[in-house]
Amino acid sequence: MSSADLPGRPLGGVRGPCAGFEGLRVLDFTKLLPGPYATQMLADLGCRVSKIELPHFPDEAREMPPKIAGEGAVFRMVNQGKEMLSVDFRKPEGLARVRARAAQADVLVEGFRPGLMERCGLGAEELMRANPRLIYCSLTGYPEDGPWRRKAGHDLNFLAVSGFLGLEADAPRVPPTQIADLTGSLAAVAAVLAALVERGATGRGKRVAVSMVETVHSLLAVPLAEALAEGKDPSGPRWWNGAHPFYRLYATADGRQLAVAALEKPFALSLLDALGLESLRGLVDDPLAHGERLSAELARVLSGACAAQWEERLKGKDVCVTKVLGLGEARAFMDELRTPSAEPAARRQS
């Protein structure tokens, strides 16, 4: 199975391969999800990725259930098209073999706790001395120079201490996917690509470090901006925490949910008109102040029909309303979205 045949492609929304990447050699020392996702993106762009694992301590994702043909399904999702190398680099012959690879590599990505690669004789300083063009990327949980540099952690821990979970209007909940892990992956790829561009100008490699907790904290641009403006943590009704009547989920008659995101006034007015709530148009100028009434009326009307009926009634209307899809439905919908449109190409590009 090729990477392109798997669901959830293209990873990161970037479709490859791209010219110029086919000659780039990447050494992948990562495990589980964040690092392999990043190096899978590089592989999909066209890089030649070699995944290096210790014989007696391979990637744990290989054995994580559920499995496909005896292989962990998550491992398969993020390790396609990579050369698999089992090398005990803790021993002199294995270390020499890996160093020889690093001397010819363009990029190295590792996801160990700070200090481990140095203790193995594969630290950035040593490898970049032998190969000055090497881009050495470390993907860590916490900043590699800080007091938590060696603290164990996973996605949920990073979300907890970054402030992400604490912004929930009600009790914090475990998200349905690994947000910190995967934003860290995307940031690592961005850092590697930026370093490659810089190398093109300077001829020299670069040491780059990405911490997942800092990356996910940076996603909080809106609440951080509000805290900066108000001089305190944002609290109470906000448009982004479910208090806004035109930016929340509503139940339908069949127990499904609709995502309403009609934030701008024209969308909100169009939605009220489409739902027969024209009498509420005067409340749109300050929807948070009238949030209780607007939410109650929207909930009442939207609960009166099934989700599919609302899809049909609102089809072609600029109201920013979509049905909440299950995973299987979403996979089918992604395929539908990728079907070429009959719309003129010039208009699609504008």
C-alpha atoms as a PDB file:
ATOM      1  CA  MET A   1       0.000   0.000   0.000  1.00  0.00           C
ATOM      2  CA  SER A   2       1.401   3.395  -0.972  1.00  0.00           C
ATOM      3  CA  SER A   3       1.119   6.479   1.188  1.00  0.00           C
ATOM      4  CA  ALA A   4      -1.311   8.081  -1.263  1.00  0.00           C
ATOM      5  CA  ASP A   5      -3.708   5.110  -0.886  1.00  0.00           C
ATOM      6  CA  LEU A   6      -4.130   5.652   2.862  1.00  0.00           C
ATOM      7  CA  PRO A   7      -6.908   7.792   4.376  1.00  0.00           C
ATOM      8  CA  GLY A   8      -6.079  11.221   5.739  1.00  0.00           C
ATOM      9  CA  ARG A   9      -3.853  12.112   2.821  1.00  0.00           C
ATOM     10  CA  PRO A  10      -2.169  14.347   1.976  1.00  0.00           C
ATOM     11  CA  LEU A  11      -0.606  14.682   5.420  1.00  0.00           C
ATOM     12  CA  GLY A  12      -0.637  18.290   6.559  1.00  0.00           C
ATOM     13  CA  GLY A  13      -2.698  19.164   3.501  1.00  0.00           C
ATOM     14  CA  VAL A  14       0.425  19.415   1.319  1.00  0.00           C
ATOM     15  CA  ARG A  15       0.325  17.222  -1.759  1.00  0.00           C
ATOM     16  CA  GLY A  16       3.608  15.869  -3.116  1.00  0.00           C
ATOM     17  CA  PRO A  17       5.908  14.820  -4.553  1.00  0.00           C
ATOM     18  CA  CYS A  18       7.595  18.102  -5.401  1.00  0.00           C
ATOM     19  CA  ALA A  19      10.542  18.624  -7.724  1.00  0.00           C
ATOM     20  CA  GLY A  20      13.865  19.032  -5.956  1.00  0.00           C
ATOM     21  CA  PHE A  21      13.037  16.799  -2.976  1.00  0.00           C
ATOM     22  CA  GLU A  22      13.913  13.487  -4.607  1.00  0.00           C
ATOM     23  CA  GLY A  23      17.611  13.942  -3.920  1.00  0.00           C
ATOM     24  CA  LEU A  24      17.251  14.836  -0.243  1.00  0.00           C
ATOM     25  CA  ARG A  25      18.240  12.108   2.227  1.00  0.00           C
ATOM     26  CA  VAL A  26      16.543  12.080   5.630  1.00  0.00           C
ATOM     27  CA  LEU A  27      17.521   9.994   8.661  1.00  0.00           C
ATOM     28  CA  ASP A  28      14.541   9.303  10.917  1.00  0.00           C
ATOM     29  CA  PHE A  29      15.296   8.394  14.553  1.00  0.00           C
ATOM     30  CA  THR A  30      11.722   8.978  15.738  1.00  0.00           C
ATOM     31  CA  LYS A  31       8.969   6.755  17.152  1.00  0.00           C
ATOM     32  CA  LEU A  32       5.227   6.613  17.767  1.00  0.00           C
ATOM     33  CA  LEU A  33       3.385   9.572  16.167  1.00  0.00           C
ATOM     34  CA  PRO A  34       4.897  13.106  16.159  1.00  0.00           C
ATOM     35  CA  GLY A  35       8.281  12.405  14.554  1.00  0.00           C
ATOM     36  CA  PRO A  36       7.085   9.714  12.116  1.00  0.00           C
ATOM     37  CA  TYR A  37       4.253  11.999  10.981  1.00  0.00           C
ATOM     38  CA  ALA A  38       6.806  14.729  10.238  1.00  0.00           C
ATOM     39  CA  THR A  39       9.169  12.428   8.351  1.00  0.00           C
ATOM     40  CA  GLN A  40       6.209  10.889   6.499  1.00  0.00           C
ATOM     41  CA  MET A  41       5.383  14.364   5.230  1.00  0.00           C
ATOM     42  CA  LEU A  42       8.975  14.716   4.037  1.00  0.00           C
ATOM     43  CA  ALA A  43       8.745  11.309   2.360  1.00  0.00           C
ATOM     44  CA  ASP A  44       5.484  12.295   0.667  1.00  0.00           C
ATOM     45  CA  LEU A  45       7.176  15.447  -0.624  1.00  0.00           C
ATOM     46  CA  GLY A  46       9.738  13.186  -2.297  1.00  0.00           C
ATOM     47  CA  CYS A  47      12.583  12.866   0.226  1.00  0.00           C
ATOM     48  CA  ARG A  48      14.394   9.562   0.646  1.00  0.00           C
ATOM     49  CA  VAL A  49      13.680   8.734   4.296  1.00  0.00           C
ATOM     50  CA  SER A  50      15.564   6.030   6.188  1.00  0.00           C
ATOM     51  CA  LYS A  51      14.026   5.033   9.525  1.00  0.00           C
ATOM     52  CA  ILE A  52      16.628   3.777  12.001  1.00  0.00           C
ATOM     53  CA  GLU A  53      15.527   1.577  14.913  1.00  0.00           C
ATOM     54  CA  LEU A  54      17.382  -0.284  17.612  1.00  0.00           C
ATOM     55  CA  PRO A  55      16.957  -4.067  17.146  1.00  0.00           C
ATOM     56  CA  HIS A  56      15.770  -4.658  20.713  1.00  0.00           C
ATOM     57  CA  PHE A  57      13.903  -1.352  21.116  1.00  0.00           C
ATOM     58  CA  PRO A  58      12.025  -0.685  17.868  1.00  0.00           C
ATOM     59  CA  ASP A  59       9.164   1.741  17.342  1.00  0.00           C
ATOM     60  CA  GLU A  60       6.446   0.699  19.827  1.00  0.00           C
ATOM     61  CA  ALA A  61       3.799   1.684  17.277  1.00  0.00           C
ATOM     62  CA  ARG A  62       4.639  -1.486  15.340  1.00  0.00           C
ATOM     63  CA  GLU A  63       2.810  -3.507  17.994  1.00  0.00           C
ATOM     64  CA  MET A  64       0.022  -1.094  18.928  1.00  0.00           C
ATOM     65  CA  PRO A  65      -3.455  -2.484  18.199  1.00  0.00           C
ATOM     66  CA  PRO A  66      -5.416  -2.541  16.056  1.00  0.00           C
ATOM     67  CA  LYS A  67      -3.204  -4.107  13.401  1.00  0.00           C
ATOM     68  CA  ILE A  68      -3.255  -4.485   9.641  1.00  0.00           C
ATOM     69  CA  ALA A  69      -1.525  -7.617   8.363  1.00  0.00           C
ATOM     70  CA  GLY A  70       0.258  -7.993  11.682  1.00  0.00           C
ATOM     71  CA  GLU A  71       1.482  -4.393  11.790  1.00  0.00           C
ATOM     72  CA  GLY A  72       0.181  -1.582  13.967  1.00  0.00           C
ATOM     73  CA  ALA A  73      -2.300   0.491  11.983  1.00  0.00           C
ATOM     74  CA  VAL A  74      -0.909   3.805  13.266  1.00  0.00           C
ATOM     75  CA  PHE A  75       2.625   2.679  12.377  1.00  0.00           C
ATOM     76  CA  ARG A  76       1.451   1.927   8.860  1.00  0.00           C
ATOM     77  CA  MET A  77      -0.207   5.335   8.547  1.00  0.00           C
ATOM     78  CA  VAL A  78       3.022   7.261   9.155  1.00  0.00           C
ATOM     79  CA  ASN A  79       5.798   4.987   7.893  1.00  0.00           C
ATOM     80  CA  GLN A  80       5.090   4.428   4.220  1.00  0.00           C
ATOM     81  CA  GLY A  81       7.832   4.569   1.597  1.00  0.00           C
ATOM     82  CA  LYS A  82      10.618   4.703   4.181  1.00  0.00           C
ATOM     83  CA  GLU A  83      13.700   2.525   4.144  1.00  0.00           C
ATOM     84  CA  MET A  84      13.657   0.485   7.371  1.00  0.00           C
ATOM     85  CA  LEU A  85      17.035  -0.056   9.042  1.00  0.00           C
ATOM     86  CA  SER A  86      17.597  -2.038  12.232  1.00  0.00           C
ATOM     87  CA  VAL A  87      20.939  -0.877  13.603  1.00  0.00           C
ATOM     88  CA  ASP A  88      22.325  -1.166  17.115  1.00  0.00           C
ATOM     89  CA  PHE A  89      24.083   2.194  17.214  1.00  0.00           C
ATOM     90  CA  ARG A  90      24.979   1.575  20.859  1.00  0.00           C
ATOM     91  CA  LYS A  91      27.703  -0.729  19.577  1.00  0.00           C
ATOM     92  CA  PRO A  92      30.829   0.497  17.716  1.00  0.00           C
ATOM     93  CA  GLU A  93      30.056  -1.166  14.380  1.00  0.00           C
ATOM     94  CA  GLY A  94      26.470   0.050  14.382  1.00  0.00           C
ATOM     95  CA  LEU A  95      27.493   3.553  15.429  1.00  0.00           C
ATOM     96  CA  ALA A  96      30.025   3.696  12.599  1.00  0.00           C
ATOM     97  CA  ARG A  97      27.357   2.609  10.135  1.00  0.00           C
ATOM     98  CA  VAL A  98      24.941   5.308  11.278  1.00  0.00           C
ATOM     99  CA  ARG A  99      27.629   8.002  11.311  1.00  0.00           C
ATOM    100  CA  ALA A 100      28.510   7.084   7.728  1.00  0.00           C
ATOM    101  CA  ARG A 101      24.862   7.594   6.788  1.00  0.00           C
ATOM    102  CA  ALA A 102      24.723  10.905   8.631  1.00  0.00           C
ATOM    103  CA  ALA A 103      27.822  12.104   6.788  1.00  0.00           C
ATOM    104  CA  GLN A 104      25.850  11.828   3.534  1.00  0.00           C
ATOM    105  CA  ALA A 105      22.441  12.932   4.827  1.00  0.00           C
ATOM    106  CA  ASP A 106      20.684  16.239   4.276  1.00  0.00           C
ATOM    107  CA  VAL A 107      18.323  16.051   7.255  1.00  0.00           C
ATOM    108  CA  LEU A 108      18.234  14.167  10.546  1.00  0.00           C
ATOM    109  CA  VAL A 109      15.096  14.134  12.709  1.00  0.00           C
ATOM    110  CA  GLU A 110      15.162  12.755  16.248  1.00  0.00           C
ATOM    111  CA  GLY A 111      12.592  12.715  19.018  1.00  0.00           C
ATOM    112  CA  PHE A 112      14.458  11.464  22.083  1.00  0.00           C
ATOM    113  CA  ARG A 113      14.752  13.298  25.372  1.00  0.00           C
ATOM    114  CA  PRO A 114      17.556  15.894  25.258  1.00  0.00           C
ATOM    115  CA  GLY A 115      20.994  14.409  25.768  1.00  0.00           C
ATOM    116  CA  LEU A 116      20.328  10.853  24.601  1.00  0.00           C
ATOM    117  CA  MET A 117      21.659  11.305  21.069  1.00  0.00           C
ATOM    118  CA  GLU A 118      24.793  12.990  22.471  1.00  0.00           C
ATOM    119  CA  ARG A 119      25.375  10.061  24.832  1.00  0.00           C
ATOM    120  CA  CYS A 120      25.070   7.691  21.884  1.00  0.00           C
ATOM    121  CA  GLY A 121      27.694   9.629  19.927  1.00  0.00           C
ATOM    122  CA  LEU A 122      25.109  11.033  17.514  1.00  0.00           C
ATOM    123  CA  GLY A 123      24.710  14.568  18.825  1.00  0.00           C
ATOM    124  CA  ALA A 124      24.235  17.550  16.539  1.00  0.00           C
ATOM    125  CA  GLU A 125      27.647  19.085  17.186  1.00  0.00           C
ATOM    126  CA  GLU A 126      29.528  15.911  16.356  1.00  0.00           C
ATOM    127  CA  LEU A 127      27.530  14.982  13.260  1.00  0.00           C
ATOM    128  CA  MET A 128      27.505  18.533  11.884  1.00  0.00           C
ATOM    129  CA  ARG A 129      31.267  18.734  12.313  1.00  0.00           C
ATOM    130  CA  ALA A 130      31.556  15.773   9.942  1.00  0.00           C
ATOM    131  CA  ASN A 131      28.769  17.041   7.679  1.00  0.00           C
ATOM    132  CA  PRO A 132      28.444  20.863   7.826  1.00  0.00           C
ATOM    133  CA  ARG A 133      25.452  20.778   5.442  1.00  0.00           C
ATOM    134  CA  LEU A 134      23.373  18.579   7.763  1.00  0.00           C
ATOM    135  CA  ILE A 135      20.087  19.935   9.092  1.00  0.00           C
ATOM    136  CA  TYR A 136      19.593  18.413  12.530  1.00  0.00           C
ATOM    137  CA  CYS A 137      16.041  18.643  13.882  1.00  0.00           C
ATOM    138  CA  SER A 138      15.083  17.703  17.437  1.00  0.00           C
ATOM    139  CA  LEU A 139      11.380  17.317  18.265  1.00  0.00           C
ATOM    140  CA  THR A 140      10.868  17.382  22.038  1.00  0.00           C
ATOM    141  CA  GLY A 141       7.965  17.612  24.452  1.00  0.00           C
ATOM    142  CA  TYR A 142       9.297  20.563  26.436  1.00  0.00           C
ATOM    143  CA  PRO A 143      12.002  23.140  25.536  1.00  0.00           C
ATOM    144  CA  GLU A 144      15.306  21.312  25.364  1.00  0.00           C
ATOM    145  CA  ASP A 145      17.179  23.835  27.536  1.00  0.00           C
ATOM    146  CA  GLY A 146      14.504  24.326  30.189  1.00  0.00           C
ATOM    147  CA  PRO A 147      13.918  22.727  33.590  1.00  0.00           C
ATOM    148  CA  TRP A 148      11.433  20.215  32.148  1.00  0.00           C
ATOM    149  CA  ARG A 149      13.729  19.092  29.333  1.00  0.00           C
ATOM    150  CA  ARG A 150      13.940  15.512  30.625  1.00  0.00           C
ATOM    151  CA  LYS A 151      10.374  15.242  31.940  1.00  0.00           C
ATOM    152  CA  ALA A 152       8.276  12.482  30.409  1.00  0.00           C
ATOM    153  CA  GLY A 153       5.086  13.551  28.703  1.00  0.00           C
ATOM    154  CA  HIS A 154       2.561  12.917  25.978  1.00  0.00           C
ATOM    155  CA  ASP A 155       0.075  14.940  23.978  1.00  0.00           C
ATOM    156  CA  LEU A 156      -2.420  15.304  26.822  1.00  0.00           C
ATOM    157  CA  ASN A 157       0.281  16.647  29.160  1.00  0.00           C
ATOM    158  CA  PHE A 158       1.363  19.228  26.594  1.00  0.00           C
ATOM    159  CA  LEU A 159      -2.245  20.334  26.071  1.00  0.00           C
ATOM    160  CA  ALA A 160      -2.709  20.593  29.827  1.00  0.00           C
ATOM    161  CA  VAL A 161       0.252  22.825  30.623  1.00  0.00           C
ATOM    162  CA  SER A 162       0.004  24.917  27.441  1.00  0.00           C
ATOM    163  CA  GLY A 163      -3.352  26.369  28.518  1.00  0.00           C
ATOM    164  CA  PHE A 164      -5.205  24.611  25.704  1.00  0.00           C
ATOM    165  CA  LEU A 165      -7.357  22.360  27.891  1.00  0.00           C
ATOM    166  CA  GLY A 166      -7.936  25.080  30.460  1.00  0.00           C
ATOM    167  CA  LEU A 167      -9.791  27.214  27.914  1.00  0.00           C
ATOM    168  CA  GLU A 168     -12.747  24.813  27.778  1.00  0.00           C
ATOM    169  CA  ALA A 169     -15.905  26.653  28.805  1.00  0.00           C
ATOM    170  CA  ASP A 170     -16.952  23.659  30.886  1.00  0.00           C
ATOM    171  CA  ALA A 171     -14.757  20.905  32.335  1.00  0.00           C
ATOM    172  CA  PRO A 172     -11.650  20.139  30.217  1.00  0.00           C
ATOM    173  CA  ARG A 173     -12.070  17.145  27.910  1.00  0.00           C
ATOM    174  CA  VAL A 174      -9.667  14.824  26.148  1.00  0.00           C
ATOM    175  CA  PRO A 175      -9.609  15.847  22.449  1.00  0.00           C
ATOM    176  CA  PRO A 176     -10.320  13.134  19.847  1.00  0.00           C
ATOM    177  CA  THR A 177      -6.885  13.445  18.248  1.00  0.00           C
ATOM    178  CA  GLN A 178      -3.325  14.294  19.256  1.00  0.00           C
ATOM    179  CA  ILE A 179      -3.298  18.049  18.707  1.00  0.00           C
ATOM    180  CA  ALA A 180       0.030  18.918  20.349  1.00  0.00           C
ATOM    181  CA  ASP A 181       1.809  15.958  18.776  1.00  0.00           C
ATOM    182  CA  LEU A 182       0.657  16.773  15.272  1.00  0.00           C
ATOM    183  CA  THR A 183       1.123  20.540  15.444  1.00  0.00           C
ATOM    184  CA  GLY A 184       4.642  19.717  16.636  1.00  0.00           C
ATOM    185  CA  SER A 185       5.035  17.544  13.546  1.00  0.00           C
ATOM    186  CA  LEU A 186       3.947  20.366  11.255  1.00  0.00           C
ATOM    187  CA  ALA A 187       6.250  22.819  13.021  1.00  0.00           C
ATOM    188  CA  ALA A 188       9.169  20.402  12.642  1.00  0.00           C
ATOM    189  CA  VAL A 189       8.543  20.117   8.913  1.00  0.00           C
ATOM    190  CA  ALA A 190       8.316  23.910   8.621  1.00  0.00           C
ATOM    191  CA  ALA A 191      11.603  24.258  10.534  1.00  0.00           C
ATOM    192  CA  VAL A 192      13.326  21.719   8.292  1.00  0.00           C
ATOM    193  CA  LEU A 193      12.059  23.384   5.121  1.00  0.00           C
ATOM    194  CA  ALA A 194      13.146  26.814   6.385  1.00  0.00           C
ATOM    195  CA  ALA A 195      16.587  25.416   7.203  1.00  0.00           C
ATOM    196  CA  LEU A 196      16.845  23.912   3.714  1.00  0.00           C
ATOM    197  CA  VAL A 197      16.091  27.304   2.184  1.00  0.00           C
ATOM    198  CA  GLU A 198      18.696  28.904   4.442  1.00  0.00           C
ATOM    199  CA  ARG A 199      21.216  26.239   3.453  1.00  0.00           C
ATOM    200  CA  GLY A 200      20.590  27.112  -0.166  1.00  0.00           C
ATOM    201  CA  ALA A 201      21.729  30.649   0.608  1.00  0.00           C
ATOM    202  CA  THR A 202      24.588  29.914   3.015  1.00  0.00           C
ATOM    203  CA  GLY A 203      25.737  26.428   2.063  1.00  0.00           C
ATOM    204  CA  ARG A 204      25.621  25.450   5.739  1.00  0.00           C
ATOM    205  CA  GLY A 205      23.317  23.187   7.703  1.00  0.00           C
ATOM    206  CA  LYS A 206      21.439  24.203  10.818  1.00  0.00           C
ATOM    207  CA  ARG A 207      20.435  22.855  14.185  1.00  0.00           C
ATOM    208  CA  VAL A 208      16.693  23.329  14.771  1.00  0.00           C
ATOM    209  CA  ALA A 209      14.652  22.401  17.832  1.00  0.00           C
ATOM    210  CA  VAL A 210      10.862  22.258  18.171  1.00  0.00           C
ATOM    211  CA  SER A 211       9.012  21.635  21.430  1.00  0.00           C
ATOM    212  CA  MET A 212       5.445  20.428  21.190  1.00  0.00           C
ATOM    213  CA  VAL A 213       4.262  22.340  24.246  1.00  0.00           C
ATOM    214  CA  GLU A 214       5.462  25.655  22.783  1.00  0.00           C
ATOM    215  CA  THR A 215       3.960  24.830  19.407  1.00  0.00           C
ATOM    216  CA  VAL A 216       0.502  24.055  20.768  1.00  0.00           C
ATOM    217  CA  HIS A 217       0.659  27.128  23.052  1.00  0.00           C
ATOM    218  CA  SER A 218       1.220  29.220  19.927  1.00  0.00           C
ATOM    219  CA  LEU A 219      -2.126  27.994  18.573  1.00  0.00           C
ATOM    220  CA  LEU A 220      -3.891  30.050  21.234  1.00  0.00           C
ATOM    221  CA  ALA A 221      -3.450  33.251  19.253  1.00  0.00           C
ATOM    222  CA  VAL A 222      -7.006  34.510  19.817  1.00  0.00           C
ATOM    223  CA  PRO A 223      -7.286  33.990  23.608  1.00  0.00           C
ATOM    224  CA  LEU A 224      -3.693  35.153  24.099  1.00  0.00           C
ATOM    225  CA  ALA A 225      -4.469  38.322  22.141  1.00  0.00           C
ATOM    226  CA  GLU A 226      -7.541  38.953  24.281  1.00  0.00           C
ATOM    227  CA  ALA A 227      -5.534  38.388  27.465  1.00  0.00           C
ATOM    228  CA  LEU A 228      -2.936  40.858  26.228  1.00  0.00           C
ATOM    229  CA  ALA A 229      -5.588  43.459  25.466  1.00  0.00           C
ATOM    230  CA  GLU A 230      -7.553  43.011  28.683  1.00  0.00           C
ATOM    231  CA  GLY A 231      -4.704  42.408  31.086  1.00  0.00           C
ATOM    232  CA  LYS A 232      -6.212  39.173  32.431  1.00  0.00           C
ATOM    233  CA  ASP A 233      -7.138  35.681  31.302  1.00  0.00           C
ATOM    234  CA  PRO A 234     -10.280  35.705  29.144  1.00  0.00           C
ATOM    235  CA  SER A 235     -13.371  34.437  30.944  1.00  0.00           C
ATOM    236  CA  GLY A 236     -17.105  34.507  30.465  1.00  0.00           C
ATOM    237  CA  PRO A 237     -18.885  34.421  27.097  1.00  0.00           C
ATOM    238  CA  ARG A 238     -16.520  34.536  24.134  1.00  0.00           C
ATOM    239  CA  TRP A 239     -17.189  33.898  20.477  1.00  0.00           C
ATOM    240  CA  TRP A 240     -14.703  31.024  20.487  1.00  0.00           C
ATOM    241  CA  ASN A 241     -15.898  29.106  23.581  1.00  0.00           C
ATOM    242  CA  GLY A 242     -19.457  28.190  22.583  1.00  0.00           C
ATOM    243  CA  ALA A 243     -21.188  31.259  23.995  1.00  0.00           C
ATOM    244  CA  HIS A 244     -21.751  32.894  20.609  1.00  0.00           C
ATOM    245  CA  PRO A 245     -25.176  31.906  19.207  1.00  0.00           C
ATOM    246  CA  PHE A 246     -23.805  31.924  15.654  1.00  0.00           C
ATOM    247  CA  TYR A 247     -20.681  29.905  16.496  1.00  0.00           C
ATOM    248  CA  ARG A 248     -21.697  26.669  18.167  1.00  0.00           C
ATOM    249  CA  LEU A 249     -23.269  23.250  17.648  1.00  0.00           C
ATOM    250  CA  TYR A 250     -27.016  22.633  17.454  1.00  0.00           C
ATOM    251  CA  ALA A 251     -28.929  19.346  17.676  1.00  0.00           C
ATOM    252  CA  THR A 252     -31.301  18.262  14.924  1.00  0.00           C
ATOM    253  CA  ALA A 253     -34.448  16.134  15.069  1.00  0.00           C
ATOM    254  CA  ASP A 254     -32.569  12.904  14.321  1.00  0.00           C
ATOM    255  CA  GLY A 255     -29.997  13.389  17.066  1.00  0.00           C
ATOM    256  CA  ARG A 256     -27.301  14.666  14.699  1.00  0.00           C
ATOM    257  CA  GLN A 257     -25.559  18.004  15.108  1.00  0.00           C
ATOM    258  CA  LEU A 258     -25.019  21.008  12.879  1.00  0.00           C
ATOM    259  CA  ALA A 259     -21.974  23.259  13.139  1.00  0.00           C
ATOM    260  CA  VAL A 260     -23.115  26.861  12.826  1.00  0.00           C
ATOM    261  CA  ALA A 261     -20.305  29.343  12.185  1.00  0.00           C
ATOM    262  CA  ALA A 262     -22.148  32.360  10.811  1.00  0.00           C
ATOM    263  CA  LEU A 263     -19.918  34.834  12.635  1.00  0.00           C
ATOM    264  CA  GLU A 264     -20.001  37.721  10.180  1.00  0.00           C
ATOM    265  CA  LYS A 265     -23.176  39.784  10.074  1.00  0.00           C
ATOM    266  CA  PRO A 266     -24.121  38.975   6.434  1.00  0.00           C
ATOM    267  CA  PHE A 267     -23.921  35.229   7.163  1.00  0.00           C
ATOM    268  CA  ALA A 268     -25.918  35.575  10.357  1.00  0.00           C
ATOM    269  CA  LEU A 269     -28.646  37.585   8.621  1.00  0.00           C
ATOM    270  CA  SER A 270     -28.815  35.084   5.764  1.00  0.00           C
ATOM    271  CA  LEU A 271     -29.148  32.231   8.257  1.00  0.00           C
ATOM    272  CA  LEU A 272     -31.968  33.934  10.165  1.00  0.00           C
ATOM    273  CA  ASP A 273     -33.792  34.583   6.896  1.00  0.00           C
ATOM    274  CA  ALA A 274     -33.330  30.981   5.762  1.00  0.00           C
ATOM    275  CA  LEU A 275     -34.731  29.702   9.058  1.00  0.00           C
ATOM    276  CA  GLY A 276     -37.733  32.023   9.082  1.00  0.00           C
ATOM    277  CA  LEU A 277     -36.343  34.052  11.976  1.00  0.00           C
ATOM    278  CA  GLU A 278     -36.342  37.427  10.252  1.00  0.00           C
ATOM    279  CA  SER A 279     -37.830  39.029  13.365  1.00  0.00           C
ATOM    280  CA  LEU A 280     -34.484  38.532  15.127  1.00  0.00           C
ATOM    281  CA  ARG A 281     -32.386  40.426  12.593  1.00  0.00           C
ATOM    282  CA  GLY A 282     -32.138  43.425  14.927  1.00  0.00           C
ATOM    283  CA  LEU A 283     -30.211  41.352  17.488  1.00  0.00           C
ATOM    284  CA  VAL A 284     -27.342  40.495  15.139  1.00  0.00           C
ATOM    285  CA  ASP A 285     -25.379  43.675  15.837  1.00  0.00           C
ATOM    286  CA  ASP A 286     -24.573  42.405  19.349  1.00  0.00           C
ATOM    287  CA  PRO A 287     -25.137  38.630  19.330  1.00  0.00           C
ATOM    288  CA  LEU A 288     -23.309  37.954  22.612  1.00  0.00           C
ATOM    289  CA  ALA A 289     -25.563  40.400  24.460  1.00  0.00           C
ATOM    290  CA  HIS A 290     -28.590  38.563  23.043  1.00  0.00           C
ATOM    291  CA  GLY A 291     -26.950  35.158  23.104  1.00  0.00           C
ATOM    292  CA  GLU A 292     -29.547  33.415  25.256  1.00  0.00           C
ATOM    293  CA  ARG A 293     -32.510  34.411  23.104  1.00  0.00           C
ATOM    294  CA  LEU A 294     -30.776  33.832  19.768  1.00  0.00           C
ATOM    295  CA  SER A 295     -29.403  30.451  20.857  1.00  0.00           C
ATOM    296  CA  ALA A 296     -32.799  29.311  22.122  1.00  0.00           C
ATOM    297  CA  GLU A 297     -34.555  30.269  18.879  1.00  0.00           C
ATOM    298  CA  LEU A 298     -31.889  28.731  16.667  1.00  0.00           C
ATOM    299  CA  ALA A 299     -31.984  25.547  18.754  1.00  0.00           C
ATOM    300  CA  ARG A 300     -35.778  25.403  18.564  1.00  0.00           C
ATOM    301  CA  VAL A 301     -35.921  25.755  14.799  1.00  0.00           C
ATOM    302  CA  LEU A 302     -32.964  23.503  13.968  1.00  0.00           C
ATOM    303  CA  SER A 303     -34.323  20.729  16.205  1.00  0.00           C
ATOM    304  CA  GLY A 304     -37.430  20.644  14.044  1.00  0.00           C
ATOM    305  CA  ALA A 305     -35.893  18.796  11.118  1.00  0.00           C
ATOM    306  CA  CYS A 306     -33.275  16.134  10.422  1.00  0.00           C
ATOM    307  CA  ALA A 307     -29.697  17.040   9.566  1.00  0.00           C
ATOM    308  CA  ALA A 308     -30.093  15.800   5.977  1.00  0.00           C
ATOM    309  CA  GLN A 309     -33.203  17.952   5.561  1.00  0.00           C
ATOM    310  CA  TRP A 310     -31.306  21.013   6.746  1.00  0.00           C
ATOM    311  CA  GLU A 311     -28.481  20.215   4.342  1.00  0.00           C
ATOM    312  CA  GLU A 312     -30.972  20.197   1.510  1.00  0.00           C
ATOM    313  CA  ARG A 313     -32.827  23.347   2.639  1.00  0.00           C
ATOM    314  CA  LEU A 314     -29.638  25.340   3.141  1.00  0.00           C
ATOM    315  CA  LYS A 315     -27.886  24.090   0.019  1.00  0.00           C
ATOM    316  CA  GLY A 316     -26.547  26.978  -2.031  1.00  0.00           C
ATOM    317  CA  LYS A 317     -27.049  29.508   0.768  1.00  0.00           C
ATOM    318  CA  ASP A 318     -24.103  31.433   2.265  1.00  0.00           C
ATOM    319  CA  VAL A 319     -24.836  30.600   5.896  1.00  0.00           C
ATOM    320  CA  CYS A 320     -21.738  28.675   7.124  1.00  0.00           C
ATOM    321  CA  VAL A 321     -23.652  25.621   8.345  1.00  0.00           C
ATOM    322  CA  THR A 322     -22.330  22.074   8.022  1.00  0.00           C
ATOM    323  CA  LYS A 323     -23.323  18.682   9.400  1.00  0.00           C
ATOM    324  CA  VAL A 324     -21.011  17.084  11.966  1.00  0.00           C
ATOM    325  CA  LEU A 325     -19.750  13.963  10.210  1.00  0.00           C
ATOM    326  CA  GLY A 326     -18.578  10.667  11.614  1.00  0.00           C
ATOM    327  CA  LEU A 327     -15.179   9.399  10.545  1.00  0.00           C
ATOM    328  CA  GLY A 328     -16.499   7.131   7.801  1.00  0.00           C
ATOM    329  CA  GLU A 329     -18.738   9.900   6.480  1.00  0.00           C
ATOM    330  CA  ALA A 330     -15.814  12.329   6.555  1.00  0.00           C
ATOM    331  CA  ARG A 331     -13.601   9.951   4.531  1.00  0.00           C
ATOM    332  CA  ALA A 332     -16.285   9.705   1.839  1.00  0.00           C
ATOM    333  CA  PHE A 333     -16.808  13.472   1.932  1.00  0.00           C
ATOM    334  CA  MET A 334     -13.065  14.107   1.485  1.00  0.00           C
ATOM    335  CA  ASP A 335     -13.194  12.019  -1.696  1.00  0.00           C
ATOM    336  CA  GLU A 336     -16.193  14.033  -2.849  1.00  0.00           C
ATOM    337  CA  LEU A 337     -14.387  17.316  -2.177  1.00  0.00           C
ATOM    338  CA  ARG A 338     -11.444  16.162  -4.288  1.00  0.00           C
ATOM    339  CA  THR A 339     -13.640  15.418  -7.298  1.00  0.00           C
ATOM    340  CA  PRO A 340     -12.802  18.031  -9.964  1.00  0.00           C
ATOM    341  CA  SER A 341     -15.477  20.687 -10.215  1.00  0.00           C
ATOM    342  CA  ALA A 342     -17.145  21.703 -13.447  1.00  0.00           C
ATOM    343  CA  GLU A 343     -16.581  25.300 -12.379  1.00  0.00           C
ATOM    344  CA  PRO A 344     -14.198  27.162 -14.735  1.00  0.00           C
ATOM    345  CA  ALA A 345     -10.560  26.786 -13.654  1.00  0.00           C
ATOM    346  CA  ALA A 346      -9.973  30.551 -13.737  1.00  0.00           C
ATOM    347  CA  ARG A 347     -12.720  31.068 -11.179  1.00  0.00           C
ATOM    348  CA  ARG A 348     -11.462  28.219  -8.928  1.00  0.00           C
ATOM    349  CA  GLN A 349      -8.019  29.835  -8.797  1.00  0.00           C
ATOM    350  CA  SER A 350      -9.298  33.295  -7.897  1.00  0.00           C
END
